PDB file of N, CA and C in Angstrom:
ATOM      1  N   MET A   1      52.595 129.490  43.678  1.00  0.00           N
ATOM      2  CA  MET A   1      53.490 130.680  43.746  1.00  0.00           C
ATOM      3  C   MET A   1      52.791 131.782  44.731  1.00  0.00           C
ATOM      4  N   ARG A   2      51.344 131.840  44.470  1.00  0.00           N
ATOM      5  CA  ARG A   2      50.443 132.953  45.457  1.00  0.00           C
ATOM      6  C   ARG A   2      50.672 132.641  46.852  1.00  0.00           C
ATOM      7  N   LYS A   3      50.809 131.273  47.256  1.00  0.00           N
ATOM      8  CA  LYS A   3      50.917 130.985  48.773  1.00  0.00           C
ATOM      9  C   LYS A   3      52.431 131.279  48.827  1.00  0.00           C
ATOM     10  N   PHE A   4      53.289 131.119  48.238  1.00  0.00           N
ATOM     11  CA  PHE A   4      54.689 131.549  48.546  1.00  0.00           C
ATOM     12  C   PHE A   4      54.888 133.094  48.806  1.00  0.00           C
ATOM     13  N   VAL A   5      54.403 133.844  47.884  1.00  0.00           N
ATOM     14  CA  VAL A   5      54.312 135.247  48.087  1.00  0.00           C
ATOM     15  C   VAL A   5      53.524 135.739  49.282  1.00  0.00           C
ATOM     16  N   THR A   6      52.313 135.413  49.415  1.00  0.00           N
ATOM     17  CA  THR A   6      51.590 135.377  50.697  1.00  0.00           C
ATOM     18  C   THR A   6      52.405 135.195  51.981  1.00  0.00           C
ATOM     19  N   ALA A   7      52.844 133.866  52.180  1.00  0.00           N
ATOM     20  CA  ALA A   7      53.578 133.564  53.274  1.00  0.00           C
ATOM     21  C   ALA A   7      54.933 134.383  53.202  1.00  0.00           C
ATOM     22  N   LEU A   8      55.578 134.824  52.436  1.00  0.00           N
ATOM     23  CA  LEU A   8      56.793 135.811  52.326  1.00  0.00           C
ATOM     24  C   LEU A   8      56.492 137.206  52.968  1.00  0.00           C
ATOM     25  N   MET A   9      55.099 137.558  52.510  1.00  0.00           N
ATOM     26  CA  MET A   9      54.775 138.980  53.020  1.00  0.00           C
ATOM     27  C   MET A   9      54.244 138.930  54.404  1.00  0.00           C
ATOM     28  N   LEU A  10      53.666 137.798  54.926  1.00  0.00           N
ATOM     29  CA  LEU A  10      53.480 137.718  56.357  1.00  0.00           C
ATOM     30  C   LEU A  10      54.595 137.604  57.189  1.00  0.00           C
ATOM     31  N   THR A  11      55.867 136.821  56.645  1.00  0.00           N
ATOM     32  CA  THR A  11      56.842 136.617  57.224  1.00  0.00           C
ATOM     33  C   THR A  11      57.483 138.187  57.747  1.00  0.00           C
ATOM     34  N   VAL A  12      57.568 138.932  56.472  1.00  0.00           N
ATOM     35  CA  VAL A  12      58.153 140.332  56.392  1.00  0.00           C
ATOM     36  C   VAL A  12      57.422 141.127  57.247  1.00  0.00           C
ATOM     37  N   ALA A  13      56.138 141.136  57.213  1.00  0.00           N
ATOM     38  CA  ALA A  13      55.361 141.966  58.109  1.00  0.00           C
ATOM     39  C   ALA A  13      55.335 141.657  59.511  1.00  0.00           C
ATOM     40  N   MET A  14      55.563 140.441  59.876  1.00  0.00           N
ATOM     41  CA  MET A  14      55.859 139.811  61.182  1.00  0.00           C
ATOM     42  C   MET A  14      57.077 140.578  61.716  1.00  0.00           C
ATOM     43  N   MET A  15      58.205 140.294  60.942  1.00  0.00           N
ATOM     44  CA  MET A  15      59.520 140.841  61.292  1.00  0.00           C
ATOM     45  C   MET A  15      59.790 142.391  61.563  1.00  0.00           C
ATOM     46  N   VAL A  16      58.701 143.027  60.445  1.00  0.00           N
ATOM     47  CA  VAL A  16      58.739 144.604  60.707  1.00  0.00           C
ATOM     48  C   VAL A  16      57.994 145.064  62.161  1.00  0.00           C
ATOM     49  N   LEU A  17      56.924 144.349  62.475  1.00  0.00           N
ATOM     50  CA  LEU A  17      56.289 144.557  63.798  1.00  0.00           C
ATOM     51  C   LEU A  17      57.005 144.041  64.983  1.00  0.00           C
ATOM     52  N   ALA A  18      57.702 143.093  64.942  1.00  0.00           N
ATOM     53  CA  ALA A  18      58.569 142.567  65.949  1.00  0.00           C
ATOM     54  C   ALA A  18      59.689 143.650  66.261  1.00  0.00           C
ATOM     55  N   GLY A  19      60.288 144.256  65.134  1.00  0.00           N
ATOM     56  CA  GLY A  19      61.427 145.012  65.129  1.00  0.00           C
ATOM     57  C   GLY A  19      60.818 146.491  65.750  1.00  0.00           C
ATOM     58  N   CYS A  20      59.565 146.686  65.636  1.00  0.00           N
ATOM     59  CA  CYS A  20      59.014 147.997  66.252  1.00  0.00           C
ATOM     60  C   CYS A  20      58.518 147.891  67.572  1.00  0.00           C
ATOM     61  N   GLY A  21      58.272 146.587  67.779  1.00  0.00           N
ATOM     62  CA  GLY A  21      57.494 146.559  68.930  1.00  0.00           C
ATOM     63  C   GLY A  21      58.464 146.618  70.201  1.00  0.00           C
ATOM     64  N   GLY A  22      57.828 147.061  71.362  1.00  0.00           N
ATOM     65  CA  GLY A  22      58.981 147.263  72.571  1.00  0.00           C
ATOM     66  C   GLY A  22      59.834 148.359  72.451  1.00  0.00           C
ATOM     67  N   GLY A  23      60.907 148.103  71.608  1.00  0.00           N
ATOM     68  CA  GLY A  23      61.908 149.477  71.370  1.00  0.00           C
ATOM     69  C   GLY A  23      62.366 149.722  72.428  1.00  0.00           C
ATOM     70  N   GLY A  24      62.314 149.372  73.747  1.00  0.00           N
ATOM     71  CA  GLY A  24      62.856 149.704  74.897  1.00  0.00           C
ATOM     72  C   GLY A  24      64.106 149.126  75.335  1.00  0.00           C
ATOM     73  N   SER A  25      64.629 149.306  76.264  1.00  0.00           N
ATOM     74  CA  SER A  25      65.812 148.753  77.130  1.00  0.00           C
ATOM     75  C   SER A  25      65.225 147.398  77.518  1.00  0.00           C
ATOM     76  N   LYS A  26      66.475 146.613  77.735  1.00  0.00           N
ATOM     77  CA  LYS A  26      66.044 145.331  78.476  1.00  0.00           C
ATOM     78  C   LYS A  26      65.988 145.534  79.907  1.00  0.00           C
ATOM     79  N   ASP A  27      66.617 146.555  80.397  1.00  0.00           N
ATOM     80  CA  ASP A  27      66.539 146.932  81.589  1.00  0.00           C
ATOM     81  C   ASP A  27      65.546 147.633  82.188  1.00  0.00           C
ATOM     82  N   PRO A  28      64.773 146.841  83.071  1.00  0.00           N
ATOM     83  CA  PRO A  28      63.544 147.657  83.436  1.00  0.00           C
ATOM     84  C   PRO A  28      63.403 148.824  84.147  1.00  0.00           C
ATOM     85  N   VAL A  29      64.758 149.373  84.798  1.00  0.00           N
ATOM     86  CA  VAL A  29      64.994 150.430  85.416  1.00  0.00           C
ATOM     87  C   VAL A  29      65.410 151.882  84.607  1.00  0.00           C
ATOM     88  N   VAL A  30      65.405 151.422  83.054  1.00  0.00           N
ATOM     89  CA  VAL A  30      65.868 152.667  82.422  1.00  0.00           C
ATOM     90  C   VAL A  30      64.725 153.415  82.181  1.00  0.00           C
ATOM     91  N   GLY A  31      64.597 154.833  82.252  1.00  0.00           N
ATOM     92  CA  GLY A  31      63.572 155.898  82.030  1.00  0.00           C
ATOM     93  C   GLY A  31      63.467 156.642  83.041  1.00  0.00           C
ATOM     94  N   ASN A  32      62.654 157.534  82.842  1.00  0.00           N
ATOM     95  CA  ASN A  32      62.364 158.797  84.016  1.00  0.00           C
ATOM     96  C   ASN A  32      61.225 158.321  84.990  1.00  0.00           C
ATOM     97  N   TRP A  33      61.911 158.591  86.313  1.00  0.00           N
ATOM     98  CA  TRP A  33      61.262 158.418  87.565  1.00  0.00           C
ATOM     99  C   TRP A  33      61.029 159.412  88.273  1.00  0.00           C
ATOM    100  N   LYS A  34      59.847 159.245  88.854  1.00  0.00           N
ATOM    101  CA  LYS A  34      59.720 160.443  89.846  1.00  0.00           C
ATOM    102  C   LYS A  34      59.106 159.901  91.351  1.00  0.00           C
ATOM    103  N   MET A  35      59.684 160.531  92.284  1.00  0.00           N
ATOM    104  CA  MET A  35      58.961 160.057  93.408  1.00  0.00           C
ATOM    105  C   MET A  35      57.612 160.302  93.836  1.00  0.00           C
ATOM    106  N   THR A  36      56.801 159.406  94.209  1.00  0.00           N
ATOM    107  CA  THR A  36      55.448 159.609  94.381  1.00  0.00           C
ATOM    108  C   THR A  36      55.047 159.163  95.870  1.00  0.00           C
ATOM    109  N   GLU A  37      55.807 158.547  96.595  1.00  0.00           N
ATOM    110  CA  GLU A  37      55.002 157.976  97.896  1.00  0.00           C
ATOM    111  C   GLU A  37      56.364 158.028  98.921  1.00  0.00           C
ATOM    112  N   ILE A  38      56.179 158.248  99.987  1.00  0.00           N
ATOM    113  CA  ILE A  38      57.080 158.145 101.141  1.00  0.00           C
ATOM    114  C   ILE A  38      56.544 157.198 102.267  1.00  0.00           C
ATOM    115  N   GLU A  39      57.372 156.402 102.948  1.00  0.00           N
ATOM    116  CA  GLU A  39      57.222 155.387 103.921  1.00  0.00           C
ATOM    117  C   GLU A  39      57.922 155.751 104.792  1.00  0.00           C
ATOM    118  N   THR A  40      57.451 156.191 106.151  1.00  0.00           N
ATOM    119  CA  THR A  40      58.185 156.252 107.289  1.00  0.00           C
ATOM    120  C   THR A  40      57.483 155.752 108.451  1.00  0.00           C
ATOM    121  N   MET A  41      58.244 155.293 109.551  1.00  0.00           N
ATOM    122  CA  MET A  41      57.497 154.325 110.621  1.00  0.00           C
ATOM    123  C   MET A  41      56.516 153.488 110.271  1.00  0.00           C
ATOM    124  N   GLY A  42      56.508 152.789 109.166  1.00  0.00           N
ATOM    125  CA  GLY A  42      55.610 151.825 108.814  1.00  0.00           C
ATOM    126  C   GLY A  42      54.197 152.345 108.227  1.00  0.00           C
ATOM    127  N   VAL A  43      54.323 153.714 107.927  1.00  0.00           N
ATOM    128  CA  VAL A  43      52.956 154.414 107.239  1.00  0.00           C
ATOM    129  C   VAL A  43      53.383 154.862 105.793  1.00  0.00           C
ATOM    130  N   LYS A  44      52.725 154.655 104.810  1.00  0.00           N
ATOM    131  CA  LYS A  44      53.097 155.030 103.560  1.00  0.00           C
ATOM    132  C   LYS A  44      52.175 156.160 103.020  1.00  0.00           C
ATOM    133  N   VAL A  45      52.451 157.061 102.552  1.00  0.00           N
ATOM    134  CA  VAL A  45      51.490 158.387 102.249  1.00  0.00           C
ATOM    135  C   VAL A  45      51.971 158.738 100.771  1.00  0.00           C
ATOM    136  N   SER A  46      51.326 159.514 100.114  1.00  0.00           N
ATOM    137  CA  SER A  46      51.640 160.266  98.742  1.00  0.00           C
ATOM    138  C   SER A  46      52.731 161.463  99.132  1.00  0.00           C
ATOM    139  N   LEU A  47      53.358 161.715  98.333  1.00  0.00           N
ATOM    140  CA  LEU A  47      54.479 162.885  98.598  1.00  0.00           C
ATOM    141  C   LEU A  47      53.692 164.236  98.865  1.00  0.00           C
ATOM    142  N   GLU A  48      52.627 164.482  98.242  1.00  0.00           N
ATOM    143  CA  GLU A  48      51.820 165.511  98.655  1.00  0.00           C
ATOM    144  C   GLU A  48      51.287 165.549  99.952  1.00  0.00           C
ATOM    145  N   GLU A  49      50.677 164.271 100.262  1.00  0.00           N
ATOM    146  CA  GLU A  49      50.177 163.994 101.661  1.00  0.00           C
ATOM    147  C   GLU A  49      51.349 164.269 102.949  1.00  0.00           C
ATOM    148  N   TYR A  50      52.500 163.732 102.499  1.00  0.00           N
ATOM    149  CA  TYR A  50      53.596 164.137 103.477  1.00  0.00           C
ATOM    150  C   TYR A  50      54.196 165.487 103.818  1.00  0.00           C
ATOM    151  N   MET A  51      54.100 166.096 102.635  1.00  0.00           N
ATOM    152  CA  MET A  51      54.677 167.345 102.655  1.00  0.00           C
ATOM    153  C   MET A  51      53.455 168.326 103.324  1.00  0.00           C
ATOM    154  N   GLN A  52      52.186 168.156 102.984  1.00  0.00           N
ATOM    155  CA  GLN A  52      51.165 168.790 103.886  1.00  0.00           C
ATOM    156  C   GLN A  52      51.198 168.850 105.169  1.00  0.00           C
ATOM    157  N   SER A  53      51.545 167.502 105.586  1.00  0.00           N
ATOM    158  CA  SER A  53      51.613 167.031 107.027  1.00  0.00           C
ATOM    159  C   SER A  53      52.677 167.740 107.654  1.00  0.00           C
ATOM    160  N   MET A  54      53.728 168.316 106.813  1.00  0.00           N
ATOM    161  CA  MET A  54      54.996 168.858 107.427  1.00  0.00           C
ATOM    162  C   MET A  54      54.728 170.393 107.202  1.00  0.00           C
ATOM    163  N   GLY A  55      53.736 170.787 106.583  1.00  0.00           N
ATOM    164  CA  GLY A  55      53.415 171.946 106.426  1.00  0.00           C
ATOM    165  C   GLY A  55      54.389 172.798 105.042  1.00  0.00           C
ATOM    166  N   GLY A  56      54.521 172.025 104.136  1.00  0.00           N
ATOM    167  CA  GLY A  56      55.297 172.454 102.921  1.00  0.00           C
ATOM    168  C   GLY A  56      54.497 172.074 101.756  1.00  0.00           C
ATOM    169  N   ASP A  57      55.191 172.147 100.664  1.00  0.00           N
ATOM    170  CA  ASP A  57      54.686 171.877  99.260  1.00  0.00           C
ATOM    171  C   ASP A  57      55.324 170.586  98.640  1.00  0.00           C
ATOM    172  N   ALA A  58      54.616 169.707  97.949  1.00  0.00           N
ATOM    173  CA  ALA A  58      55.359 168.756  97.328  1.00  0.00           C
ATOM    174  C   ALA A  58      56.509 168.915  96.441  1.00  0.00           C
ATOM    175  N   GLU A  59      56.465 170.138  95.825  1.00  0.00           N
ATOM    176  CA  GLU A  59      57.689 170.588  95.080  1.00  0.00           C
ATOM    177  C   GLU A  59      58.917 171.140  95.964  1.00  0.00           C
ATOM    178  N   ASP A  60      58.693 171.313  97.321  1.00  0.00           N
ATOM    179  CA  ASP A  60      59.947 171.259  98.150  1.00  0.00           C
ATOM    180  C   ASP A  60      60.747 170.161  98.234  1.00  0.00           C
ATOM    181  N   MET A  61      59.985 168.953  97.759  1.00  0.00           N
ATOM    182  CA  MET A  61      60.821 167.781  98.119  1.00  0.00           C
ATOM    183  C   MET A  61      60.712 166.902  96.862  1.00  0.00           C
ATOM    184  N   SER A  62      60.257 167.316  96.032  1.00  0.00           N
ATOM    185  CA  SER A  62      60.169 166.570  94.664  1.00  0.00           C
ATOM    186  C   SER A  62      61.568 165.899  94.340  1.00  0.00           C
ATOM    187  N   MET A  63      61.505 164.605  93.825  1.00  0.00           N
ATOM    188  CA  MET A  63      62.575 164.163  93.400  1.00  0.00           C
ATOM    189  C   MET A  63      62.560 163.282  92.137  1.00  0.00           C
ATOM    190  N   GLU A  64      63.235 163.549  91.040  1.00  0.00           N
ATOM    191  CA  GLU A  64      63.045 162.778  89.777  1.00  0.00           C
ATOM    192  C   GLU A  64      64.505 162.129  89.304  1.00  0.00           C
ATOM    193  N   MET A  65      64.476 161.220  88.876  1.00  0.00           N
ATOM    194  CA  MET A  65      65.792 160.660  88.007  1.00  0.00           C
ATOM    195  C   MET A  65      65.416 160.197  86.771  1.00  0.00           C
ATOM    196  N   ASP A  66      66.489 160.418  85.951  1.00  0.00           N
ATOM    197  CA  ASP A  66      66.394 159.777  84.309  1.00  0.00           C
ATOM    198  C   ASP A  66      67.507 158.932  84.286  1.00  0.00           C
ATOM    199  N   ILE A  67      67.070 157.744  84.254  1.00  0.00           N
ATOM    200  CA  ILE A  67      67.998 156.517  84.143  1.00  0.00           C
ATOM    201  C   ILE A  67      68.235 156.293  82.736  1.00  0.00           C
ATOM    202  N   LYS A  68      69.355 156.246  82.081  1.00  0.00           N
ATOM    203  CA  LYS A  68      69.694 156.141  80.860  1.00  0.00           C
ATOM    204  C   LYS A  68      70.293 154.839  80.302  1.00  0.00           C
ATOM    205  N   GLU A  69      70.338 154.499  79.068  1.00  0.00           N
ATOM    206  CA  GLU A  69      70.658 153.156  78.900  1.00  0.00           C
ATOM    207  C   GLU A  69      72.204 153.023  78.775  1.00  0.00           C
ATOM    208  N   ASP A  70      72.699 154.333  78.652  1.00  0.00           N
ATOM    209  CA  ASP A  70      74.312 154.173  78.680  1.00  0.00           C
ATOM    210  C   ASP A  70      74.951 153.920  79.751  1.00  0.00           C
ATOM    211  N   GLY A  71      74.127 153.764  80.756  1.00  0.00           N
ATOM    212  CA  GLY A  71      74.995 153.403  82.411  1.00  0.00           C
ATOM    213  C   GLY A  71      74.961 154.622  83.115  1.00  0.00           C
ATOM    214  N   THR A  72      74.502 155.807  82.462  1.00  0.00           N
ATOM    215  CA  THR A  72      74.469 156.975  83.396  1.00  0.00           C
ATOM    216  C   THR A  72      72.710 157.577  83.720  1.00  0.00           C
ATOM    217  N   PHE A  73      73.090 158.211  84.981  1.00  0.00           N
ATOM    218  CA  PHE A  73      71.698 158.743  85.334  1.00  0.00           C
ATOM    219  C   PHE A  73      72.083 160.324  85.716  1.00  0.00           C
ATOM    220  N   SER A  74      70.804 161.075  85.665  1.00  0.00           N
ATOM    221  CA  SER A  74      70.747 162.410  86.488  1.00  0.00           C
ATOM    222  C   SER A  74      69.615 162.372  87.165  1.00  0.00           C
ATOM    223  N   GLY A  75      69.669 163.262  88.119  1.00  0.00           N
ATOM    224  CA  GLY A  75      68.698 163.584  89.288  1.00  0.00           C
ATOM    225  C   GLY A  75      68.393 164.898  89.676  1.00  0.00           C
ATOM    226  N   LYS A  76      67.284 165.132  90.253  1.00  0.00           N
ATOM    227  CA  LYS A  76      66.920 166.225  90.846  1.00  0.00           C
ATOM    228  C   LYS A  76      66.378 166.368  92.133  1.00  0.00           C
ATOM    229  N   PHE A  77      66.844 166.719  93.098  1.00  0.00           N
ATOM    230  CA  PHE A  77      65.966 166.718  94.405  1.00  0.00           C
ATOM    231  C   PHE A  77      65.798 168.276  94.798  1.00  0.00           C
ATOM    232  N   ALA A  78      64.372 168.543  94.996  1.00  0.00           N
ATOM    233  CA  ALA A  78      64.331 170.133  94.972  1.00  0.00           C
ATOM    234  C   ALA A  78      64.925 170.874  94.199  1.00  0.00           C
ATOM    235  N   SER A  79      65.908 171.700  94.507  1.00  0.00           N
ATOM    236  CA  SER A  79      66.611 172.425  93.712  1.00  0.00           C
ATOM    237  C   SER A  79      68.012 171.956  93.151  1.00  0.00           C
ATOM    238  N   GLU A  80      68.704 170.912  93.903  1.00  0.00           N
ATOM    239  CA  GLU A  80      69.782 170.293  93.815  1.00  0.00           C
ATOM    240  C   GLU A  80      69.698 169.128  92.528  1.00  0.00           C
ATOM    241  N   GLU A  81      70.696 169.481  91.792  1.00  0.00           N
ATOM    242  CA  GLU A  81      70.819 168.371  90.614  1.00  0.00           C
ATOM    243  C   GLU A  81      72.052 167.544  90.841  1.00  0.00           C
ATOM    244  N   GLY A  82      72.362 166.557  90.341  1.00  0.00           N
ATOM    245  CA  GLY A  82      73.283 165.539  90.164  1.00  0.00           C
ATOM    246  C   GLY A  82      73.282 164.673  89.234  1.00  0.00           C
ATOM    247  N   SER A  83      74.592 164.143  88.907  1.00  0.00           N
ATOM    248  CA  SER A  83      74.502 162.801  88.094  1.00  0.00           C
ATOM    249  C   SER A  83      75.484 161.631  88.694  1.00  0.00           C
ATOM    250  N   GLY A  84      75.609 160.669  87.681  1.00  0.00           N
ATOM    251  CA  GLY A  84      76.390 159.586  88.042  1.00  0.00           C
ATOM    252  C   GLY A  84      76.158 158.469  87.160  1.00  0.00           C
ATOM    253  N   THR A  85      76.345 157.061  87.545  1.00  0.00           N
ATOM    254  CA  THR A  85      76.308 155.968  86.764  1.00  0.00           C
ATOM    255  C   THR A  85      75.491 154.957  87.647  1.00  0.00           C
ATOM    256  N   TRP A  86      75.077 153.907  86.902  1.00  0.00           N
ATOM    257  CA  TRP A  86      74.268 153.120  87.581  1.00  0.00           C
ATOM    258  C   TRP A  86      74.451 151.757  87.099  1.00  0.00           C
ATOM    259  N   LYS A  87      74.142 150.307  88.057  1.00  0.00           N
ATOM    260  CA  LYS A  87      74.206 149.244  87.543  1.00  0.00           C
ATOM    261  C   LYS A  87      73.065 148.669  88.132  1.00  0.00           C
ATOM    262  N   TYR A  88      72.516 147.473  87.212  1.00  0.00           N
ATOM    263  CA  TYR A  88      71.230 146.901  87.890  1.00  0.00           C
ATOM    264  C   TYR A  88      71.671 145.361  87.694  1.00  0.00           C
ATOM    265  N   SER A  89      71.302 144.743  89.030  1.00  0.00           N
ATOM    266  CA  SER A  89      71.357 143.376  88.941  1.00  0.00           C
ATOM    267  C   SER A  89      70.131 142.885  89.893  1.00  0.00           C
ATOM    268  N   ALA A  90      69.185 142.631  89.002  1.00  0.00           N
ATOM    269  CA  ALA A  90      67.824 142.248  89.750  1.00  0.00           C
ATOM    270  C   ALA A  90      67.765 141.601  91.027  1.00  0.00           C
ATOM    271  N   PRO A  91      67.104 142.300  91.993  1.00  0.00           N
ATOM    272  CA  PRO A  91      66.437 143.512  91.821  1.00  0.00           C
ATOM    273  C   PRO A  91      66.953 144.610  92.310  1.00  0.00           C
ATOM    274  N   THR A  92      68.191 144.551  92.447  1.00  0.00           N
ATOM    275  CA  THR A  92      68.832 145.812  93.029  1.00  0.00           C
ATOM    276  C   THR A  92      69.627 146.743  91.864  1.00  0.00           C
ATOM    277  N   LEU A  93      69.165 148.033  92.002  1.00  0.00           N
ATOM    278  CA  LEU A  93      69.803 148.922  91.194  1.00  0.00           C
ATOM    279  C   LEU A  93      70.625 149.925  92.008  1.00  0.00           C
ATOM    280  N   THR A  94      71.973 149.852  91.791  1.00  0.00           N
ATOM    281  CA  THR A  94      72.710 150.580  92.550  1.00  0.00           C
ATOM    282  C   THR A  94      73.230 152.310  91.751  1.00  0.00           C
ATOM    283  N   LEU A  95      73.003 153.142  92.354  1.00  0.00           N
ATOM    284  CA  LEU A  95      73.301 154.461  91.761  1.00  0.00           C
ATOM    285  C   LEU A  95      74.612 154.919  92.292  1.00  0.00           C
ATOM    286  N   THR A  96      75.522 155.228  91.629  1.00  0.00           N
ATOM    287  CA  THR A  96      76.713 155.814  92.324  1.00  0.00           C
ATOM    288  C   THR A  96      76.948 157.185  91.900  1.00  0.00           C
ATOM    289  N   ALA A  97      77.192 158.285  92.644  1.00  0.00           N
ATOM    290  CA  ALA A  97      77.595 159.664  92.478  1.00  0.00           C
ATOM    291  C   ALA A  97      78.588 160.237  93.514  1.00  0.00           C
ATOM    292  N   ASP A  98      79.413 160.909  93.165  1.00  0.00           N
ATOM    293  CA  ASP A  98      80.319 161.656  93.826  1.00  0.00           C
ATOM    294  C   ASP A  98      80.896 160.258  95.014  1.00  0.00           C
ATOM    295  N   GLY A  99      81.320 159.055  94.219  1.00  0.00           N
ATOM    296  CA  GLY A  99      81.838 158.083  95.071  1.00  0.00           C
ATOM    297  C   GLY A  99      81.053 157.462  96.018  1.00  0.00           C
ATOM    298  N   GLU A 100      79.794 157.824  96.071  1.00  0.00           N
ATOM    299  CA  GLU A 100      79.028 157.190  97.100  1.00  0.00           C
ATOM    300  C   GLU A 100      77.682 156.292  96.388  1.00  0.00           C
ATOM    301  N   ASP A 101      77.426 155.074  96.761  1.00  0.00           N
ATOM    302  CA  ASP A 101      76.405 154.413  96.391  1.00  0.00           C
ATOM    303  C   ASP A 101      75.178 154.538  97.168  1.00  0.00           C
ATOM    304  N   MET A 102      74.021 154.414  96.371  1.00  0.00           N
ATOM    305  CA  MET A 102      72.640 154.476  96.881  1.00  0.00           C
ATOM    306  C   MET A 102      71.930 153.295  96.301  1.00  0.00           C
ATOM    307  N   LYS A 103      71.371 152.321  96.962  1.00  0.00           N
ATOM    308  CA  LYS A 103      70.908 151.357  96.400  1.00  0.00           C
ATOM    309  C   LYS A 103      69.246 151.366  96.500  1.00  0.00           C
ATOM    310  N   CYS A 104      68.753 150.995  95.516  1.00  0.00           N
ATOM    311  CA  CYS A 104      67.035 150.872  95.327  1.00  0.00           C
ATOM    312  C   CYS A 104      66.754 149.333  94.973  1.00  0.00           C
ATOM    313  N   GLU A 105      65.365 149.226  95.319  1.00  0.00           N
ATOM    314  CA  GLU A 105      65.081 147.795  94.905  1.00  0.00           C
ATOM    315  C   GLU A 105      63.887 147.966  93.801  1.00  0.00           C
ATOM    316  N   TYR A 106      64.008 147.100  92.795  1.00  0.00           N
ATOM    317  CA  TYR A 106      63.099 147.402  91.670  1.00  0.00           C
ATOM    318  C   TYR A 106      61.943 146.130  92.143  1.00  0.00           C
ATOM    319  N   LYS A 107      60.683 146.508  92.270  1.00  0.00           N
ATOM    320  CA  LYS A 107      59.440 145.543  92.585  1.00  0.00           C
ATOM    321  C   LYS A 107      58.520 146.107  92.099  1.00  0.00           C
ATOM    322  N   ASP A 108      57.763 145.006  91.219  1.00  0.00           N
ATOM    323  CA  ASP A 108      56.381 145.560  90.934  1.00  0.00           C
ATOM    324  C   ASP A 108      56.173 146.820  90.092  1.00  0.00           C
ATOM    325  N   GLY A 109      57.268 147.092  89.348  1.00  0.00           N
ATOM    326  CA  GLY A 109      57.290 148.331  88.393  1.00  0.00           C
ATOM    327  C   GLY A 109      57.552 149.593  89.274  1.00  0.00           C
ATOM    328  N   LYS A 110      58.111 149.444  90.427  1.00  0.00           N
ATOM    329  CA  LYS A 110      58.882 150.855  91.120  1.00  0.00           C
ATOM    330  C   LYS A 110      59.926 150.528  91.764  1.00  0.00           C
ATOM    331  N   LEU A 111      60.593 151.646  91.941  1.00  0.00           N
ATOM    332  CA  LEU A 111      62.033 151.540  92.540  1.00  0.00           C
ATOM    333  C   LEU A 111      61.643 152.169  94.124  1.00  0.00           C
ATOM    334  N   VAL A 112      62.246 151.554  95.131  1.00  0.00           N
ATOM    335  CA  VAL A 112      62.106 151.813  96.300  1.00  0.00           C
ATOM    336  C   VAL A 112      63.667 152.153  96.941  1.00  0.00           C
ATOM    337  N   MET A 113      63.927 153.266  97.380  1.00  0.00           N
ATOM    338  CA  MET A 113      65.182 153.747  97.999  1.00  0.00           C
ATOM    339  C   MET A 113      64.867 153.995  99.378  1.00  0.00           C
ATOM    340  N   ASN A 114      65.745 153.231 100.235  1.00  0.00           N
ATOM    341  CA  ASN A 114      65.781 153.531 101.698  1.00  0.00           C
ATOM    342  C   ASN A 114      66.953 154.678 101.873  1.00  0.00           C
ATOM    343  N   VAL A 115      66.255 155.699 102.681  1.00  0.00           N
ATOM    344  CA  VAL A 115      67.219 156.742 103.011  1.00  0.00           C
ATOM    345  C   VAL A 115      67.335 156.796 104.488  1.00  0.00           C
ATOM    346  N   GLU A 116      68.537 157.015 105.005  1.00  0.00           N
ATOM    347  CA  GLU A 116      68.805 157.386 106.354  1.00  0.00           C
ATOM    348  C   GLU A 116      69.431 158.851 106.507  1.00  0.00           C
ATOM    349  N   GLU A 117      69.083 159.540 107.121  1.00  0.00           N
ATOM    350  CA  GLU A 117      69.469 160.955 107.169  1.00  0.00           C
ATOM    351  C   GLU A 117      69.251 161.531 108.493  1.00  0.00           C
ATOM    352  N   GLY A 118      70.155 161.985 109.348  1.00  0.00           N
ATOM    353  CA  GLY A 118      70.257 162.909 110.648  1.00  0.00           C
ATOM    354  C   GLY A 118      69.487 161.745 111.511  1.00  0.00           C
ATOM    355  N   GLY A 119      69.671 160.466 111.728  1.00  0.00           N
ATOM    356  CA  GLY A 119      69.040 159.548 112.577  1.00  0.00           C
ATOM    357  C   GLY A 119      67.452 159.130 112.185  1.00  0.00           C
ATOM    358  N   GLN A 120      67.064 159.611 111.181  1.00  0.00           N
ATOM    359  CA  GLN A 120      65.863 159.477 110.524  1.00  0.00           C
ATOM    360  C   GLN A 120      65.945 158.482 109.364  1.00  0.00           C
ATOM    361  N   SER A 121      64.831 157.598 109.230  1.00  0.00           N
ATOM    362  CA  SER A 121      64.785 156.766 107.986  1.00  0.00           C
ATOM    363  C   SER A 121      63.501 156.966 107.333  1.00  0.00           C
ATOM    364  N   PHE A 122      63.679 156.737 106.167  1.00  0.00           N
ATOM    365  CA  PHE A 122      62.231 156.772 105.126  1.00  0.00           C
ATOM    366  C   PHE A 122      62.665 155.964 104.020  1.00  0.00           C
ATOM    367  N   SER A 123      61.487 155.503 103.536  1.00  0.00           N
ATOM    368  CA  SER A 123      61.650 155.057 102.005  1.00  0.00           C
ATOM    369  C   SER A 123      60.935 155.867 100.900  1.00  0.00           C
ATOM    370  N   ALA A 124      61.752 156.129 100.037  1.00  0.00           N
ATOM    371  CA  ALA A 124      61.043 157.014  98.914  1.00  0.00           C
ATOM    372  C   ALA A 124      60.587 156.074  97.651  1.00  0.00           C
ATOM    373  N   VAL A 125      59.498 155.901  97.341  1.00  0.00           N
ATOM    374  CA  VAL A 125      58.809 155.329  96.162  1.00  0.00           C
ATOM    375  C   VAL A 125      58.834 155.814  94.810  1.00  0.00           C
ATOM    376  N   PHE A 126      59.402 155.465  93.803  1.00  0.00           N
ATOM    377  CA  PHE A 126      59.498 156.137  92.544  1.00  0.00           C
ATOM    378  C   PHE A 126      58.666 155.228  91.674  1.00  0.00           C
ATOM    379  N   GLU A 127      58.030 155.969  90.723  1.00  0.00           N
ATOM    380  CA  GLU A 127      57.184 155.501  89.433  1.00  0.00           C
ATOM    381  C   GLU A 127      57.577 156.055  88.414  1.00  0.00           C
ATOM    382  N   LYS A 128      57.461 155.507  87.095  1.00  0.00           N
ATOM    383  CA  LYS A 128      57.705 156.002  85.838  1.00  0.00           C
ATOM    384  C   LYS A 128      56.507 156.721  85.294  1.00  0.00           C
TER     385      LYS A 128
END
């Protein structure tokens, strides 16, 4: 009888721990993301280094995203804010806002967004 009670207690303890562990989303893209690096013309630098070279402050170009489990996201770029929906099909995260799609690649725990603006292109790297 004592072995049965011990086994039952161990089983319950394992189920409680398994229920508490992880607790996160099955989608690795869910969470708060912040731009940390920029890659342009084959050179990857931190956001701070890039802005210093351009004569600005990293806050001038800060970019953050909050990707929620309910399929929505909100984001902030400098002083601009926006929101929309997202879909993830490994390794591609598609963000949709104002009827436009922006694709990111999830790789090695980072999101990489390729941006083309005014004839120039760069990659923004986001980390949690």
